[in-house]
Amino acid sequence: MSVAELQRTIAKLPPDQQRTVARFVTRLKKSTSAARQRQLSRAMRGMDAGIKYTREDVMKARAAYKARP
């Protein structure tokens, strides 16, 4: 499917589904960015060095992330 076909298909969707697609595309772009890759590399190096997080640490971080505007 070409980009033009995708755009036409998305244009036919209801506005709420168009927003969902837009959020998904934004998330994909962020997850594959160079900055995200550097962040993951840093985290992996830390884990290899023995810096680990508990389940509670992760849950707190996720809650804080979700609470951001």
C-alpha atoms as a PDB file:
ATOM      1  CA  MET A   1       0.000   0.000   0.000  1.00  0.00           C
ATOM      2  CA  SER A   2       1.409   3.380  -0.967  1.00  0.00           C
ATOM      3  CA  VAL A   3       1.554   6.445   1.259  1.00  0.00           C
ATOM      4  CA  ALA A   4      -1.129   8.114  -0.862  1.00  0.00           C
ATOM      5  CA  GLU A   5      -3.424   5.117  -0.368  1.00  0.00           C
ATOM      6  CA  LEU A   6      -2.818   5.191   3.371  1.00  0.00           C
ATOM      7  CA  GLN A   7      -3.598   8.902   3.495  1.00  0.00           C
ATOM      8  CA  ARG A   8      -6.870   8.384   1.609  1.00  0.00           C
ATOM      9  CA  THR A   9      -7.832   5.502   3.893  1.00  0.00           C
ATOM     10  CA  ILE A  10      -7.048   7.509   7.030  1.00  0.00           C
ATOM     11  CA  ALA A  11      -8.964  10.526   5.690  1.00  0.00           C
ATOM     12  CA  LYS A  12     -12.080   8.346   5.472  1.00  0.00           C
ATOM     13  CA  LEU A  13     -11.889   7.377   9.155  1.00  0.00           C
ATOM     14  CA  PRO A  14     -13.939   9.144  11.820  1.00  0.00           C
ATOM     15  CA  PRO A  15     -12.047  11.921  13.642  1.00  0.00           C
ATOM     16  CA  ASP A  16     -11.499   9.868  16.821  1.00  0.00           C
ATOM     17  CA  GLN A  17      -9.888   7.055  14.833  1.00  0.00           C
ATOM     18  CA  GLN A  18      -7.773   9.573  12.920  1.00  0.00           C
ATOM     19  CA  ARG A  19      -6.465  10.865  16.266  1.00  0.00           C
ATOM     20  CA  THR A  20      -5.702   7.295  17.330  1.00  0.00           C
ATOM     21  CA  VAL A  21      -3.684   6.745  14.162  1.00  0.00           C
ATOM     22  CA  ALA A  22      -1.859  10.040  14.712  1.00  0.00           C
ATOM     23  CA  ARG A  23      -0.957   9.058  18.297  1.00  0.00           C
ATOM     24  CA  PHE A  24       0.291   5.679  17.084  1.00  0.00           C
ATOM     25  CA  VAL A  25       2.483   7.263  14.404  1.00  0.00           C
ATOM     26  CA  THR A  26       3.874   9.755  16.928  1.00  0.00           C
ATOM     27  CA  ARG A  27       4.679   6.925  19.317  1.00  0.00           C
ATOM     28  CA  LEU A  28       6.439   4.988  16.556  1.00  0.00           C
ATOM     29  CA  LYS A  29       8.500   8.013  15.590  1.00  0.00           C
ATOM     30  CA  LYS A  30       9.560   8.597  19.195  1.00  0.00           C
ATOM     31  CA  SER A  31      10.416   4.952  19.823  1.00  0.00           C
ATOM     32  CA  THR A  32      12.716   4.786  16.820  1.00  0.00           C
ATOM     33  CA  SER A  33      14.399   8.170  17.279  1.00  0.00           C
ATOM     34  CA  ALA A  34      18.136   8.513  17.820  1.00  0.00           C
ATOM     35  CA  ALA A  35      17.509  10.092  21.238  1.00  0.00           C
ATOM     36  CA  ARG A  36      15.417   7.102  22.332  1.00  0.00           C
ATOM     37  CA  GLN A  37      18.091   4.692  21.126  1.00  0.00           C
ATOM     38  CA  ARG A  38      20.727   6.583  23.140  1.00  0.00           C
ATOM     39  CA  GLN A  39      18.472   6.481  26.209  1.00  0.00           C
ATOM     40  CA  LEU A  40      18.001   2.724  25.851  1.00  0.00           C
ATOM     41  CA  SER A  41      21.734   2.193  25.346  1.00  0.00           C
ATOM     42  CA  ARG A  42      22.463   4.170  28.511  1.00  0.00           C
ATOM     43  CA  ALA A  43      19.942   2.103  30.463  1.00  0.00           C
ATOM     44  CA  MET A  44      21.376  -1.152  29.126  1.00  0.00           C
ATOM     45  CA  ARG A  45      24.930  -0.116  30.039  1.00  0.00           C
ATOM     46  CA  GLY A  46      23.699   0.692  33.545  1.00  0.00           C
ATOM     47  CA  MET A  47      22.035  -2.695  33.867  1.00  0.00           C
ATOM     48  CA  ASP A  48      25.196  -4.405  32.626  1.00  0.00           C
ATOM     49  CA  ALA A  49      27.091  -2.470  35.318  1.00  0.00           C
ATOM     50  CA  GLY A  50      24.738  -3.858  37.971  1.00  0.00           C
ATOM     51  CA  ILE A  51      22.296  -0.971  38.348  1.00  0.00           C
ATOM     52  CA  LYS A  52      18.917  -2.683  38.692  1.00  0.00           C
ATOM     53  CA  TYR A  53      15.399  -1.469  39.522  1.00  0.00           C
ATOM     54  CA  THR A  54      12.751  -3.094  41.678  1.00  0.00           C
ATOM     55  CA  ARG A  55       9.188  -3.623  40.512  1.00  0.00           C
ATOM     56  CA  GLU A  56       8.116  -0.825  42.851  1.00  0.00           C
ATOM     57  CA  ASP A  57      10.644   1.560  41.266  1.00  0.00           C
ATOM     58  CA  VAL A  58       9.277   0.775  37.828  1.00  0.00           C
ATOM     59  CA  MET A  59       5.656   1.163  38.905  1.00  0.00           C
ATOM     60  CA  LYS A  60       6.414   4.575  40.480  1.00  0.00           C
ATOM     61  CA  ALA A  61       8.221   5.736  37.341  1.00  0.00           C
ATOM     62  CA  ARG A  62       5.331   4.586  35.125  1.00  0.00           C
ATOM     63  CA  ALA A  63       2.784   6.356  37.348  1.00  0.00           C
ATOM     64  CA  ALA A  64       4.826   9.556  37.231  1.00  0.00           C
ATOM     65  CA  TYR A  65       5.093   9.302  33.438  1.00  0.00           C
ATOM     66  CA  LYS A  66       1.347   8.801  33.038  1.00  0.00           C
ATOM     67  CA  ALA A  67       0.624  11.759  35.321  1.00  0.00           C
ATOM     68  CA  ARG A  68       2.553  14.137  33.058  1.00  0.00           C
ATOM     69  CA  PRO A  69       0.395  16.575  31.059  1.00  0.00           C
END
